[in-house]
Amino acid sequence: MKEEKITNALLINRVRCVIAAITCSVLCILVFAAVIDQVLSTPDAIVSEVGQKSFRMFTILANMLMGVTAAMCIPFAVDGMRYRNYHLPRWVVNLLYVGTNGVALTFLIAVTVLSPATSYYRMMLYSNNILFHTICPILSIILFLFINTDHRIRFKASVLAILPVVIYALVYLVMVFAIGEESGGWRDHYQIGDIAGTIPIYLLFPLLCLVCFGVSTFLRVVHNAIHRKRKADMEKYYQRAEAFSYPDIRSAIGALADIDRSHDLGGELIVPRRIMLMMERKYNSGMSLREMCCIYIEEYFKAERKEDS
């Protein structure tokens, strides 16, 4: 049973490519459709920010950032399907973290603050709100927590994740209260002036930052826990799988190169450095990553040299 679970770790990693490509594509399409719908909408008694004014709302901006970031993940997912090695650069994962934190915050505020003030149907299900406040945030959280878990999120990334909220809040305060709608600023569409009657702005701003940091910390902790679990399962596979049961790491790397060459689609050669580092923990040979990469490339092209000779 344990061996079957370990083997499934590799299968899950391959399926992850397909799920990531589908999820990211759907998320991009939904965000694009929701933004277009908002821009072309007519103002009503609750929301008058339509047309170019739509981009004054944090909900729109947060969902757009998430949509753009999801689009960046698609080429890596496609390459993962082609080369059986789905992996995102750290900067993409961090940007995904920033975007997810933004839409998660909009989801939380919509559920706990906006919905009680109006209605849950209006905020969570009505018109494009079902995309902005419900479907897109939930898809984004699933994508970040359960699919794109290639890197451990560091604490400093949590500080980076709240920067868009802090910047938007400062711009909002200037445009609404310092400039004002009459002088070309923004309407107080989040009704901060009314809330300030209960909670002063000098307390409201730190409270918002604290809530945002709490959301980012929750996402980071859960993401890192899932990342550790997936990484441990992959390491167990490469340490115990019979396909890599060789007396030394050189032979094991050769077998890995043979397997990868058998699935070669004629594209770019991707050297699986992370996998070889996992294998090194099994053999404990002391071999450097440079040496392992050289062995892999030498073995990968060995068949071509035989054909040429």
Protein backbone atom coordinates (compact mmCIF):
# COMPACT_ATOMS: atom_id res chain seq x y z
CA MET A 1 0.00 0.00 0.00
CA LYS A 2 2.85 2.38 0.86
CA GLU A 3 4.62 1.60 -2.43
CA GLU A 4 1.41 2.29 -4.34
CA LYS A 5 1.03 5.66 -2.56
CA ILE A 6 4.64 6.57 -3.38
CA THR A 7 4.19 5.67 -7.05
CA ASN A 8 1.04 7.78 -7.18
CA ALA A 9 3.12 10.82 -6.19
CA LEU A 10 4.74 10.80 -9.64
CA LEU A 11 1.39 10.30 -11.37
CA ILE A 12 -0.11 13.23 -9.43
CA ASN A 13 2.80 15.42 -10.51
CA ARG A 14 2.06 14.64 -14.17
CA VAL A 15 -1.70 15.17 -13.80
CA ARG A 16 -0.93 18.48 -12.09
CA CYS A 17 0.22 19.86 -15.46
CA VAL A 18 -3.17 19.24 -17.05
CA ILE A 19 -5.12 20.55 -14.05
CA ALA A 20 -2.94 23.68 -13.88
CA ALA A 21 -3.39 24.43 -17.59
CA ILE A 22 -7.18 24.00 -17.37
CA THR A 23 -7.59 25.94 -14.12
CA CYS A 24 -5.40 28.84 -15.24
CA SER A 25 -7.15 29.05 -18.61
CA VAL A 26 -10.62 29.01 -17.05
CA LEU A 27 -9.57 31.62 -14.50
CA CYS A 28 -8.21 33.93 -17.22
CA ILE A 29 -11.39 33.61 -19.28
CA LEU A 30 -13.68 34.27 -16.31
CA VAL A 31 -11.71 37.32 -15.15
CA PHE A 32 -11.64 38.74 -18.68
CA ALA A 33 -15.39 38.18 -19.09
CA ALA A 34 -16.20 39.73 -15.70
CA VAL A 35 -14.06 42.83 -16.35
CA ILE A 36 -15.62 43.38 -19.80
CA ASP A 37 -19.08 42.96 -18.29
CA GLN A 38 -18.29 45.51 -15.57
CA VAL A 39 -16.86 48.03 -18.02
CA LEU A 40 -19.96 47.75 -20.25
CA SER A 41 -22.46 47.72 -17.38
CA THR A 42 -24.84 50.55 -16.53
CA PRO A 43 -24.55 52.20 -13.09
CA ASP A 44 -27.12 51.39 -10.42
CA ALA A 45 -27.94 52.58 -6.91
CA ILE A 46 -25.10 50.55 -5.33
CA VAL A 47 -22.34 50.53 -7.94
CA SER A 48 -21.81 53.51 -10.24
CA GLU A 49 -18.18 52.63 -11.08
CA VAL A 50 -18.57 51.42 -14.67
CA GLY A 51 -16.59 52.13 -17.82
CA GLN A 52 -13.10 53.40 -17.04
CA LYS A 53 -14.19 54.10 -13.47
CA SER A 54 -14.35 50.32 -12.96
CA PHE A 55 -10.59 50.30 -12.46
CA ARG A 56 -10.98 52.40 -9.32
CA MET A 57 -12.27 49.36 -7.44
CA PHE A 58 -9.85 47.07 -5.64
CA THR A 59 -11.95 44.04 -6.53
CA ILE A 60 -11.44 44.67 -10.25
CA LEU A 61 -7.71 45.33 -9.89
CA ALA A 62 -7.12 42.28 -7.65
CA ASN A 63 -8.95 39.95 -10.04
CA MET A 64 -7.08 41.40 -13.03
CA LEU A 65 -3.73 40.81 -11.32
CA MET A 66 -4.78 37.23 -10.58
CA GLY A 67 -5.91 36.70 -14.16
CA VAL A 68 -2.61 37.99 -15.58
CA THR A 69 -0.60 35.85 -13.18
CA ALA A 70 -2.64 32.75 -14.04
CA ALA A 71 -1.93 33.45 -17.71
CA MET A 72 1.81 33.45 -16.92
CA CYS A 73 1.46 29.92 -15.50
CA ILE A 74 -0.07 28.46 -18.67
CA PRO A 75 3.16 28.21 -20.75
CA PHE A 76 4.88 26.42 -17.86
CA ALA A 77 1.94 24.00 -17.57
CA VAL A 78 2.05 23.30 -21.32
CA ASP A 79 5.80 22.65 -21.11
CA GLY A 80 5.10 20.37 -18.16
CA MET A 81 2.72 18.30 -20.29
CA ARG A 82 5.28 18.15 -23.13
CA TYR A 83 8.36 17.38 -21.04
CA ARG A 84 6.72 15.71 -18.01
CA ASN A 85 8.36 18.23 -15.68
CA TYR A 86 5.98 20.99 -14.49
CA HIS A 87 7.82 23.62 -12.51
CA LEU A 88 7.23 27.31 -11.88
CA PRO A 89 9.99 29.85 -11.20
CA ARG A 90 9.96 31.30 -7.69
CA TRP A 91 9.06 34.78 -8.93
CA VAL A 92 5.91 33.43 -10.62
CA VAL A 93 4.86 31.60 -7.43
CA ASN A 94 5.44 34.78 -5.40
CA LEU A 95 3.38 36.83 -7.85
CA LEU A 96 0.67 34.18 -7.71
CA TYR A 97 0.79 34.54 -3.92
CA VAL A 98 0.30 38.32 -4.18
CA GLY A 99 -2.65 37.91 -6.54
CA THR A 100 -4.27 35.18 -4.45
CA ASN A 101 -3.94 37.27 -1.31
CA GLY A 102 -5.75 40.15 -3.02
CA VAL A 103 -8.74 38.12 -4.24
CA ALA A 104 -8.90 36.19 -0.95
CA LEU A 105 -9.19 39.51 0.87
CA THR A 106 -12.01 40.64 -1.44
CA PHE A 107 -13.79 37.32 -0.79
CA LEU A 108 -13.41 37.72 2.97
CA ILE A 109 -14.64 41.34 3.00
CA ALA A 110 -17.52 40.52 0.66
CA VAL A 111 -18.68 37.73 2.98
CA THR A 112 -18.15 39.45 6.34
CA VAL A 113 -18.72 43.17 5.63
CA LEU A 114 -20.41 43.91 2.30
CA SER A 115 -22.94 41.08 2.26
CA PRO A 116 -24.45 41.86 5.70
CA ALA A 117 -24.70 45.54 4.66
CA THR A 118 -26.60 44.72 1.44
CA SER A 119 -27.39 41.03 0.87
CA TYR A 120 -25.47 37.84 0.25
CA TYR A 121 -27.25 37.36 -3.05
CA ARG A 122 -26.29 40.84 -4.25
CA MET A 123 -22.63 40.56 -3.23
CA MET A 124 -21.88 36.89 -3.90
CA LEU A 125 -24.23 35.75 -6.67
CA TYR A 126 -25.71 38.72 -8.55
CA SER A 127 -24.43 39.52 -12.06
CA ASN A 128 -20.61 39.58 -12.34
CA ASN A 129 -20.24 39.54 -8.54
CA ILE A 130 -20.51 35.76 -8.71
CA LEU A 131 -17.23 35.86 -10.66
CA PHE A 132 -15.43 38.69 -8.84
CA HIS A 133 -16.45 37.77 -5.29
CA THR A 134 -17.05 34.02 -5.42
CA ILE A 135 -15.87 31.85 -8.31
CA CYS A 136 -12.59 33.57 -9.23
CA PRO A 137 -11.35 33.94 -5.63
CA ILE A 138 -12.17 30.30 -4.84
CA LEU A 139 -10.47 29.07 -8.05
CA SER A 140 -7.45 31.26 -7.26
CA ILE A 141 -7.10 29.87 -3.74
CA ILE A 142 -7.37 26.28 -5.00
CA LEU A 143 -4.79 27.00 -7.72
CA PHE A 144 -2.32 28.51 -5.27
CA LEU A 145 -2.76 26.04 -2.40
CA PHE A 146 -3.19 22.70 -4.14
CA ILE A 147 -1.72 22.96 -7.67
CA ASN A 148 1.12 25.48 -7.91
CA THR A 149 3.13 24.44 -4.86
CA ASP A 150 6.62 24.39 -6.37
CA HIS A 151 8.34 26.61 -3.82
CA ARG A 152 8.14 27.26 -0.11
CA ILE A 153 6.76 30.75 0.46
CA ARG A 154 9.08 32.76 2.67
CA PHE A 155 7.99 35.16 5.40
CA LYS A 156 9.20 38.23 3.50
CA ALA A 157 6.83 37.31 0.67
CA SER A 158 3.94 37.86 3.11
CA VAL A 159 5.07 41.47 3.45
CA LEU A 160 5.22 41.76 -0.34
CA ALA A 161 1.71 40.28 -0.60
CA ILE A 162 0.12 43.10 1.39
CA LEU A 163 1.85 45.90 -0.57
CA PRO A 164 -0.90 46.18 -3.25
CA VAL A 165 -3.50 46.59 -0.49
CA VAL A 166 -1.44 49.24 1.31
CA ILE A 167 -0.78 51.15 -1.92
CA TYR A 168 -4.43 51.00 -2.98
CA ALA A 169 -5.62 52.12 0.47
CA LEU A 170 -3.29 55.14 0.41
CA VAL A 171 -4.39 56.09 -3.12
CA TYR A 172 -8.04 55.66 -2.08
CA LEU A 173 -7.63 57.94 0.94
CA VAL A 174 -5.96 60.64 -1.17
CA MET A 175 -8.45 60.45 -4.06
CA VAL A 176 -11.55 60.31 -1.84
CA PHE A 177 -10.72 62.45 1.19
CA ALA A 178 -7.80 64.67 0.16
CA ILE A 179 -9.02 65.52 -3.37
CA GLY A 180 -12.70 64.60 -3.24
CA GLU A 181 -15.18 63.69 -5.97
CA GLU A 182 -16.11 67.31 -6.63
CA SER A 183 -12.49 68.18 -7.47
CA GLY A 184 -11.91 65.24 -9.79
CA GLY A 185 -11.22 62.56 -7.18
CA TRP A 186 -13.16 59.37 -6.49
CA ARG A 187 -16.53 58.67 -5.00
CA ASP A 188 -16.36 56.98 -1.60
CA HIS A 189 -17.63 53.73 -3.13
CA TYR A 190 -16.47 51.65 -0.15
CA GLN A 191 -18.25 54.05 2.26
CA ILE A 192 -15.17 54.54 4.40
CA GLY A 193 -16.61 57.86 5.56
CA ASP A 194 -19.59 56.05 7.12
CA ILE A 195 -17.35 53.40 8.69
CA ALA A 196 -15.12 56.17 10.08
CA GLY A 197 -18.06 57.24 12.23
CA THR A 198 -17.57 54.01 14.17
CA ILE A 199 -13.88 53.24 13.61
CA PRO A 200 -11.56 56.24 13.05
CA ILE A 201 -9.52 56.11 9.83
CA TYR A 202 -6.24 56.16 11.77
CA LEU A 203 -7.36 52.86 13.32
CA LEU A 204 -9.16 51.51 10.27
CA PHE A 205 -6.06 51.59 8.05
CA PRO A 206 -3.84 49.55 10.44
CA LEU A 207 -6.76 47.17 11.01
CA LEU A 208 -7.08 46.58 7.27
CA CYS A 209 -3.33 45.92 7.00
CA LEU A 210 -3.53 43.51 9.94
CA VAL A 211 -6.43 41.58 8.38
CA CYS A 212 -4.59 41.44 5.05
CA PHE A 213 -1.45 40.17 6.77
CA GLY A 214 -3.53 37.54 8.57
CA VAL A 215 -4.96 36.33 5.23
CA SER A 216 -1.49 36.22 3.66
CA THR A 217 -0.10 34.31 6.66
CA PHE A 218 -2.90 31.75 6.47
CA LEU A 219 -2.29 31.22 2.73
CA ARG A 220 1.47 30.93 3.28
CA VAL A 221 1.18 28.40 6.11
CA VAL A 222 -1.28 26.15 4.27
CA HIS A 223 0.63 26.42 0.98
CA ASN A 224 3.93 25.51 2.66
CA ALA A 225 2.37 22.53 4.45
CA ILE A 226 1.05 21.13 1.16
CA HIS A 227 4.38 21.90 -0.53
CA ARG A 228 6.29 19.92 2.11
CA LYS A 229 3.92 16.97 1.77
CA ARG A 230 4.16 16.87 -2.03
CA LYS A 231 7.93 17.25 -1.99
CA ALA A 232 8.28 14.47 0.59
CA ASP A 233 6.14 12.13 -1.53
CA MET A 234 8.25 12.86 -4.61
CA GLU A 235 11.49 12.25 -2.72
CA LYS A 236 10.17 8.94 -1.41
CA TYR A 237 9.35 7.91 -4.95
CA TYR A 238 12.83 8.62 -6.32
CA GLN A 239 14.41 6.98 -3.29
CA ARG A 240 12.36 3.76 -3.37
CA ALA A 241 11.08 3.27 -6.92
CA GLU A 242 12.41 0.08 -8.50
CA ALA A 243 13.17 1.97 -11.73
CA PHE A 244 16.02 3.72 -9.88
CA SER A 245 17.32 0.81 -7.79
CA TYR A 246 20.94 0.82 -8.96
CA PRO A 247 24.21 0.27 -7.10
CA ASP A 248 25.39 3.82 -7.71
CA ILE A 249 23.95 7.22 -8.62
CA ARG A 250 25.70 7.30 -12.00
CA SER A 251 23.67 4.30 -13.18
CA ALA A 252 20.48 5.77 -11.70
CA ILE A 253 20.99 9.07 -13.53
CA GLY A 254 21.62 7.11 -16.73
CA ALA A 255 18.31 5.30 -16.27
CA LEU A 256 16.54 8.63 -15.69
CA ALA A 257 18.07 10.02 -18.91
CA ASP A 258 16.96 6.89 -20.83
CA ILE A 259 13.40 7.29 -19.56
CA ASP A 260 13.28 10.98 -20.46
CA ARG A 261 14.77 10.33 -23.91
CA SER A 262 12.03 7.79 -24.62
CA HIS A 263 9.47 10.60 -24.16
CA ASP A 264 11.44 13.17 -26.18
CA LEU A 265 9.10 15.21 -28.37
CA GLY A 266 11.85 17.03 -30.20
CA GLY A 267 11.64 20.18 -28.10
CA GLU A 268 14.06 21.84 -25.70
CA LEU A 269 16.11 19.62 -23.40
CA ILE A 270 15.23 20.20 -19.74
CA VAL A 271 17.74 18.78 -17.28
CA PRO A 272 15.82 17.56 -14.18
CA ARG A 273 18.11 19.09 -11.55
CA ARG A 274 15.54 18.88 -8.73
CA ILE A 275 14.97 15.18 -9.39
CA MET A 276 18.69 14.41 -9.37
CA LEU A 277 19.08 16.24 -6.06
CA MET A 278 16.33 14.01 -4.66
CA MET A 279 18.17 10.95 -5.95
CA GLU A 280 21.44 12.17 -4.41
CA ARG A 281 19.80 12.02 -0.98
CA LYS A 282 19.26 8.30 -1.60
CA TYR A 283 22.79 7.46 -2.78
CA ASN A 284 24.63 10.08 -0.70
CA SER A 285 27.54 9.99 -3.15
CA GLY A 286 28.81 13.50 -2.54
CA MET A 287 28.61 14.19 -6.26
CA SER A 288 28.04 17.84 -7.22
CA LEU A 289 25.02 18.99 -9.19
CA ARG A 290 27.33 19.97 -12.06
CA GLU A 291 28.69 16.43 -12.26
CA MET A 292 25.21 14.92 -12.17
CA CYS A 293 24.03 17.22 -14.97
CA CYS A 294 27.03 16.24 -17.10
CA ILE A 295 26.27 12.54 -16.60
CA TYR A 296 22.62 13.11 -17.51
CA ILE A 297 23.43 14.99 -20.74
CA GLU A 298 26.12 12.46 -21.70
CA GLU A 299 23.69 9.57 -21.27
CA TYR A 300 20.81 11.42 -22.95
CA PHE A 301 22.75 11.82 -26.21
CA LYS A 302 24.58 8.48 -26.08
CA ALA A 303 22.12 6.84 -28.50
CA GLU A 304 22.64 9.61 -31.06
CA ARG A 305 26.41 9.16 -30.95
CA LYS A 306 26.01 5.43 -31.57
CA GLU A 307 23.83 6.16 -34.63
CA ASP A 308 26.38 8.67 -35.98
CA SER A 309 29.22 6.19 -35.62
